[in-house]
């Protein structure tokens, strides 16, 4: 993912740069699903509600098992192992594969998107997404992406557990493990990144699926033990506000939206095509993001509580979307 600047709202901190310098705001010019098309607000609850079921210990175990494989850049043996691991956890579900190949400056690579579909009674789809690859340029160091890629992929596996076998009166929920998110070069290089979602957004636009998507919820870097989800100013505001409402209902509002700034991430491909989209990302991983894209991105920096917060807020957001 790429960030232009994040500003702390409460203290109005100066912009914080990162190793992906570019005006990210310019990359997205459409506020998909603008306020005029936002659904009617759900009345706020005065007291926290019972959170949706979510097994954070099991989610953390998934993180550990993914990380134990080692670095998983596209085209590697470890990448195939993690792909098979994800598929083994959703065996028996309705799974779609989106496989294709890319020609990048570093060579020819296979890309494998994985989609698990859980049907609902209402006409429409909510997509919840996470990338699962690690950086090709960092393939020769022990960069395992515990927070960046593994935490969110594990989150989706646990969400699948909560959806599986239950009657869903709301929209269908599709869980997307997308591939080829990370840039093939560092610093970040737009033309050689976000391969999986760009391909899938094109495919779904061509076959008519895109117009059925009510919301695209991206999970990224959500396991940090000091959890502070950023308000991405590129995300669809009404959908982001709905996430905030869900967090408030569950008593987790202190973990959301204290900082803000534009972020380019996997949701950009859907935003640019008019799909209401939100990026749930904590883009301050250690002081000044010191652990991001380093060998220090390890499981010991993560917390099951953070997984539980983001997991339950995501499921609560789905519930609020279903009320419209």
Protein backbone atom coordinates (compact mmCIF):
# COMPACT_ATOMS: atom_id res chain seq x y z
CA UNK A 1 0.00 0.00 0.00
CA UNK A 2 1.07 3.63 -0.46
CA UNK A 3 0.49 6.73 1.58
CA UNK A 4 1.04 10.39 0.80
CA UNK A 5 0.63 11.76 4.32
CA UNK A 6 -1.20 10.99 7.54
CA UNK A 7 -2.17 13.79 9.89
CA UNK A 8 -3.15 13.32 13.53
CA UNK A 9 -6.49 15.08 13.88
CA UNK A 10 -6.27 15.75 17.59
CA UNK A 11 -2.85 17.39 17.59
CA UNK A 12 -2.59 18.48 13.95
CA UNK A 13 0.78 16.85 13.42
CA UNK A 14 2.84 17.77 10.39
CA UNK A 15 2.62 15.39 7.44
CA UNK A 16 4.60 12.20 7.81
CA UNK A 17 6.36 10.99 4.66
CA UNK A 18 7.12 7.41 3.73
CA UNK A 19 9.12 5.41 1.25
CA UNK A 20 6.36 5.56 -1.37
CA UNK A 21 6.46 9.26 -2.27
CA UNK A 22 3.75 10.43 -4.62
CA UNK A 23 0.62 12.52 -4.47
CA UNK A 24 -1.70 9.62 -3.73
CA UNK A 25 -4.74 11.86 -3.65
CA UNK A 26 -4.32 12.58 -7.35
CA UNK A 27 -4.61 8.87 -8.12
CA UNK A 28 -8.26 8.80 -7.05
CA UNK A 29 -10.61 11.43 -8.37
CA UNK A 30 -13.93 9.69 -7.75
CA UNK A 31 -15.64 9.53 -4.36
CA UNK A 32 -17.48 6.35 -5.26
CA UNK A 33 -20.98 6.20 -3.90
CA UNK A 34 -20.97 9.88 -2.99
CA UNK A 35 -23.09 11.33 -0.20
CA UNK A 36 -26.03 11.70 -2.57
CA UNK A 37 -26.13 7.94 -3.06
CA UNK A 38 -25.38 7.02 0.52
CA UNK A 39 -27.91 4.72 2.21
CA UNK A 40 -30.13 6.05 4.96
CA UNK A 41 -28.39 6.26 8.32
CA UNK A 42 -29.01 3.56 10.91
CA UNK A 43 -30.10 5.04 14.26
CA UNK A 44 -27.16 5.17 16.65
CA UNK A 45 -27.27 3.00 19.74
CA UNK A 46 -26.77 4.80 23.05
CA UNK A 47 -25.01 1.81 24.59
CA UNK A 48 -22.44 -0.63 23.19
CA UNK A 49 -24.05 -3.69 21.63
CA UNK A 50 -23.00 -7.32 21.89
CA UNK A 51 -20.18 -7.76 19.35
CA UNK A 52 -20.52 -10.32 16.54
CA UNK A 53 -18.87 -13.66 17.20
CA UNK A 54 -15.16 -13.72 16.32
CA UNK A 55 -12.50 -16.14 17.63
CA UNK A 56 -9.40 -13.95 17.95
CA UNK A 57 -7.23 -16.80 19.28
CA UNK A 58 -8.00 -18.86 16.21
CA UNK A 59 -7.35 -15.85 13.98
CA UNK A 60 -3.96 -15.34 15.61
CA UNK A 61 -3.14 -18.99 15.05
CA UNK A 62 -3.85 -18.50 11.35
CA UNK A 63 -1.41 -15.57 11.37
CA UNK A 64 1.29 -17.72 12.95
CA UNK A 65 0.76 -20.54 10.47
CA UNK A 66 0.99 -18.20 7.49
CA UNK A 67 4.11 -16.51 8.86
CA UNK A 68 5.74 -19.87 9.63
CA UNK A 69 5.93 -20.54 5.89
CA UNK A 70 8.39 -17.65 5.52
CA UNK A 71 8.56 -14.88 2.90
CA UNK A 72 5.90 -15.38 0.19
CA UNK A 73 6.64 -13.15 -2.82
CA UNK A 74 4.79 -13.95 -6.04
CA UNK A 75 6.34 -16.76 -8.05
CA UNK A 76 7.96 -18.41 -5.01
CA UNK A 77 7.47 -21.87 -3.55
CA UNK A 78 6.37 -20.30 -0.27
CA UNK A 79 3.73 -18.29 -2.09
CA UNK A 80 2.27 -21.51 -3.46
CA UNK A 81 2.30 -23.00 0.06
CA UNK A 82 0.32 -20.09 1.49
CA UNK A 83 -2.09 -20.20 -1.43
CA UNK A 84 -2.71 -23.90 -0.72
CA UNK A 85 -3.03 -23.15 2.99
CA UNK A 86 -5.79 -20.60 2.39
CA UNK A 87 -7.59 -22.98 0.06
CA UNK A 88 -7.37 -25.77 2.63
CA UNK A 89 -9.10 -23.59 5.22
CA UNK A 90 -12.03 -22.79 2.92
CA UNK A 91 -12.36 -26.27 1.46
CA UNK A 92 -16.03 -27.04 1.00
CA UNK A 93 -17.02 -23.40 0.54
CA UNK A 94 -18.02 -21.92 -2.81
CA UNK A 95 -14.58 -20.90 -4.07
CA UNK A 96 -13.68 -19.12 -7.30
CA UNK A 97 -10.15 -18.81 -8.65
CA UNK A 98 -8.98 -15.88 -10.74
CA UNK A 99 -5.64 -16.95 -12.22
CA UNK A 100 -3.62 -15.00 -14.76
CA UNK A 101 -0.04 -14.05 -15.56
CA UNK A 102 1.87 -10.77 -15.62
CA UNK A 103 4.96 -9.52 -17.39
CA UNK A 104 6.85 -7.25 -15.00
CA UNK A 105 10.29 -5.70 -15.17
CA UNK A 106 11.55 -8.55 -12.98
CA UNK A 107 10.10 -11.28 -15.19
CA UNK A 108 6.99 -13.35 -15.84
CA UNK A 109 4.83 -14.27 -12.83
CA UNK A 110 1.58 -16.12 -12.09
CA UNK A 111 -1.07 -14.28 -10.04
CA UNK A 112 -3.76 -16.11 -8.10
CA UNK A 113 -6.80 -14.36 -6.62
CA UNK A 114 -8.99 -16.48 -4.34
CA UNK A 115 -12.67 -15.70 -3.70
CA UNK A 116 -14.88 -17.51 -1.18
CA UNK A 117 -18.59 -16.77 -1.67
CA UNK A 118 -21.22 -16.89 1.06
CA UNK A 119 -24.72 -16.36 -0.37
CA UNK A 120 -27.30 -14.00 1.08
CA UNK A 121 -31.02 -13.43 0.59
CA UNK A 122 -30.69 -9.84 -0.63
CA UNK A 123 -29.67 -8.89 -4.15
CA UNK A 124 -26.15 -7.52 -3.86
CA UNK A 125 -22.60 -8.33 -2.77
CA UNK A 126 -20.31 -7.08 -0.01
CA UNK A 127 -16.65 -7.79 -0.77
CA UNK A 128 -14.13 -8.04 2.09
CA UNK A 129 -10.55 -8.19 0.82
CA UNK A 130 -6.93 -8.73 1.87
CA UNK A 131 -3.71 -9.28 -0.03
CA UNK A 132 -1.57 -12.28 0.94
CA UNK A 133 1.73 -11.77 -0.91
CA UNK A 134 4.93 -10.22 0.42
CA UNK A 135 7.35 -7.95 -1.45
CA UNK A 136 9.40 -9.30 -4.32
CA UNK A 137 12.19 -6.71 -3.73
CA UNK A 138 12.52 -7.96 -0.12
CA UNK A 139 12.63 -11.63 -1.05
CA UNK A 140 16.24 -12.08 0.09
CA UNK A 141 15.65 -10.95 3.66
CA UNK A 142 13.49 -12.68 6.25
CA UNK A 143 10.51 -10.45 5.58
CA UNK A 144 7.44 -12.49 6.56
CA UNK A 145 4.80 -9.73 6.54
CA UNK A 146 3.11 -10.72 9.80
CA UNK A 147 1.11 -7.50 9.94
CA UNK A 148 1.31 -6.59 6.27
CA UNK A 149 -0.59 -9.39 4.56
CA UNK A 150 -0.75 -12.21 7.11
CA UNK A 151 -2.90 -10.47 9.75
CA UNK A 152 -5.60 -9.46 7.29
CA UNK A 153 -5.53 -12.79 5.45
CA UNK A 154 -6.03 -14.55 8.78
CA UNK A 155 -8.84 -12.14 9.62
CA UNK A 156 -10.68 -13.21 6.47
CA UNK A 157 -10.23 -16.88 7.35
CA UNK A 158 -11.90 -16.29 10.72
CA UNK A 159 -14.68 -14.24 9.12
CA UNK A 160 -15.26 -17.24 6.85
CA UNK A 161 -15.69 -19.38 9.96
CA UNK A 162 -18.36 -17.00 11.24
CA UNK A 163 -20.23 -16.95 7.92
CA UNK A 164 -20.04 -20.65 7.15
CA UNK A 165 -23.19 -22.69 7.60
CA UNK A 166 -25.30 -19.77 8.82
CA UNK A 167 -28.43 -18.43 7.17
CA UNK A 168 -27.71 -14.97 5.81
CA UNK A 169 -30.76 -12.73 5.32
CA UNK A 170 -28.58 -9.88 4.07
CA UNK A 171 -26.31 -9.36 1.07
CA UNK A 172 -23.98 -12.07 -0.16
CA UNK A 173 -20.50 -11.75 1.29
CA UNK A 174 -17.47 -12.52 -0.87
CA UNK A 175 -14.09 -12.86 0.79
CA UNK A 176 -11.22 -11.97 -1.52
CA UNK A 177 -7.60 -12.93 -0.93
CA UNK A 178 -5.98 -10.87 -3.67
CA UNK A 179 -2.52 -11.43 -5.05
CA UNK A 180 0.24 -9.26 -6.47
CA UNK A 181 -0.57 -6.23 -4.31
CA UNK A 182 2.99 -5.33 -3.44
CA UNK A 183 5.08 -3.29 -5.85
CA UNK A 184 7.72 -5.12 -7.86
CA UNK A 185 10.05 -2.19 -7.16
CA UNK A 186 10.93 -0.09 -4.13
CA UNK A 187 10.18 2.70 -3.68
CA UNK A 188 6.61 2.02 -4.77
CA UNK A 189 6.01 1.93 -8.52
CA UNK A 190 2.35 2.24 -9.50
CA UNK A 191 2.47 0.43 -12.88
CA UNK A 192 3.88 -2.70 -11.22
CA UNK A 193 1.59 -3.09 -8.21
CA UNK A 194 -2.01 -3.94 -7.28
CA UNK A 195 -2.10 -6.54 -10.06
CA UNK A 196 -4.72 -8.82 -8.55
CA UNK A 197 -7.40 -6.25 -7.80
CA UNK A 198 -6.90 -4.40 -11.07
CA UNK A 199 -7.42 -7.60 -13.03
CA UNK A 200 -10.42 -8.63 -10.97
CA UNK A 201 -12.06 -5.20 -11.15
CA UNK A 202 -11.74 -5.29 -14.94
CA UNK A 203 -13.13 -8.82 -15.06
CA UNK A 204 -16.07 -8.03 -12.80
CA UNK A 205 -16.84 -4.87 -14.75
CA UNK A 206 -16.92 -6.85 -18.00
CA UNK A 207 -19.20 -9.62 -16.69
CA UNK A 208 -21.58 -7.33 -14.78
CA UNK A 209 -20.55 -8.34 -11.27
CA UNK A 210 -19.19 -4.90 -10.41
CA UNK A 211 -22.59 -3.20 -10.48
CA UNK A 212 -23.87 -5.70 -7.90
CA UNK A 213 -21.21 -4.79 -5.32
CA UNK A 214 -22.73 -2.67 -2.55
CA UNK A 215 -19.46 -2.16 -0.67
CA UNK A 216 -15.78 -3.10 -0.92
CA UNK A 217 -14.09 -3.35 2.50
CA UNK A 218 -10.30 -3.67 2.44
CA UNK A 219 -8.35 -4.98 5.42
CA UNK A 220 -4.62 -4.14 5.59
CA UNK A 221 -2.09 -4.00 8.44
CA UNK A 222 -4.77 -4.53 11.08
CA UNK A 223 -2.91 -6.67 13.65
CA UNK A 224 -0.67 -4.08 15.34
CA UNK A 225 -0.95 -4.36 19.13
CA UNK A 226 -1.21 -0.56 19.26
CA UNK A 227 -4.21 -0.31 16.97
CA UNK A 228 -5.16 3.00 15.35
CA UNK A 229 -7.07 2.67 12.08
CA UNK A 230 -6.48 5.66 9.81
CA UNK A 231 -9.22 7.68 8.14
CA UNK A 232 -8.25 7.31 4.50
CA UNK A 233 -9.51 10.46 2.82
CA UNK A 234 -9.70 8.63 -0.50
CA UNK A 235 -12.27 6.14 0.79
CA UNK A 236 -16.02 6.57 0.28
CA UNK A 237 -17.03 8.83 3.15
CA UNK A 238 -20.50 7.41 3.91
CA UNK A 239 -19.10 3.88 4.06
CA UNK A 240 -16.25 5.03 6.25
CA UNK A 241 -18.74 6.75 8.54
CA UNK A 242 -20.70 3.50 8.73
CA UNK A 243 -17.52 1.76 9.91
CA UNK A 244 -17.18 4.49 12.52
CA UNK A 245 -20.76 3.91 13.62
CA UNK A 246 -20.05 0.18 13.94
CA UNK A 247 -16.94 0.88 16.02
CA UNK A 248 -18.89 3.22 18.28
CA UNK A 249 -21.71 0.70 18.76
CA UNK A 250 -19.12 -1.86 19.94
CA UNK A 251 -17.22 0.59 22.15
CA UNK A 252 -14.11 0.57 19.95
CA UNK A 253 -14.27 4.12 18.60
CA UNK A 254 -10.96 5.09 20.23
CA UNK A 255 -9.17 2.76 17.81
CA UNK A 256 -10.54 4.45 14.69
CA UNK A 257 -9.85 7.60 12.68
CA UNK A 258 -7.60 9.69 14.96
CA UNK A 259 -5.30 10.24 11.95
CA UNK A 260 -6.25 11.00 8.39
CA UNK A 261 -4.68 11.20 4.95
CA UNK A 262 -4.98 9.80 1.42
CA UNK A 263 -3.88 6.20 0.90
CA UNK A 264 -3.58 4.23 -2.33
CA UNK A 265 -4.21 0.55 -1.70
CA UNK A 266 -6.15 -2.36 -3.18
CA UNK A 267 -9.44 -0.47 -2.89
CA UNK A 268 -8.28 2.08 -5.50
CA UNK A 269 -9.16 -0.22 -8.42
CA UNK A 270 -12.76 -0.39 -7.19
CA UNK A 271 -13.05 3.26 -6.17
CA UNK A 272 -12.05 4.35 -9.66
CA UNK A 273 -14.88 2.23 -11.09
CA UNK A 274 -17.54 3.73 -8.83
CA UNK A 275 -17.76 1.04 -6.16
CA UNK A 276 -18.23 2.36 -2.60
CA UNK A 277 -14.98 1.34 -0.92
CA UNK A 278 -13.18 1.76 2.40
CA UNK A 279 -9.62 0.93 3.47
CA UNK A 280 -9.22 -0.28 7.06
CA UNK A 281 -5.51 0.21 7.65
CA UNK A 282 -3.27 1.18 10.56
CA UNK A 283 -0.40 2.82 8.73
CA UNK A 284 1.76 3.60 11.73
CA UNK A 285 3.50 0.35 12.51
CA UNK A 286 6.01 1.31 15.16
CA UNK A 287 7.29 4.85 15.63
CA UNK A 288 7.32 6.56 12.22
CA UNK A 289 6.23 3.22 10.69
CA UNK A 290 9.67 1.76 11.41
CA UNK A 291 8.57 -1.91 11.18
CA UNK A 292 6.82 -1.60 7.82
CA UNK A 293 8.48 -3.51 4.96
CA UNK A 294 11.30 -4.75 7.19
CA UNK A 295 12.31 -8.07 8.74
CA UNK A 296 10.91 -6.65 12.00
CA UNK A 297 7.33 -7.19 10.79
CA UNK A 298 6.89 -10.19 13.05
CA UNK A 299 4.13 -11.86 15.07
CA UNK A 300 5.36 -10.51 18.42
CA UNK A 301 4.22 -7.01 17.34
CA UNK A 302 0.62 -8.20 16.90
CA UNK A 303 -2.30 -8.76 19.25
CA UNK A 304 -5.36 -11.03 19.15
CA UNK A 305 -7.29 -8.10 20.63
CA UNK A 306 -6.56 -5.98 17.55
CA UNK A 307 -7.77 -8.79 15.30
CA UNK A 308 -10.93 -9.04 17.40
CA UNK A 309 -11.57 -5.30 17.20
CA UNK A 310 -11.22 -5.10 13.43
CA UNK A 311 -12.99 -8.41 12.86
CA UNK A 312 -16.04 -7.55 14.94
CA UNK A 313 -16.24 -3.99 13.58
CA UNK A 314 -16.12 -5.40 10.04
CA UNK A 315 -18.91 -7.87 10.77
CA UNK A 316 -20.94 -5.15 12.50
CA UNK A 317 -20.48 -2.95 9.43
CA UNK A 318 -21.82 -5.78 7.26
CA UNK A 319 -24.82 -5.96 9.56
CA UNK A 320 -25.45 -2.22 9.24
CA UNK A 321 -25.16 -2.44 5.44
CA UNK A 322 -27.73 -5.23 5.48
CA UNK A 323 -30.23 -2.95 7.21
CA UNK A 324 -30.44 -0.66 4.19
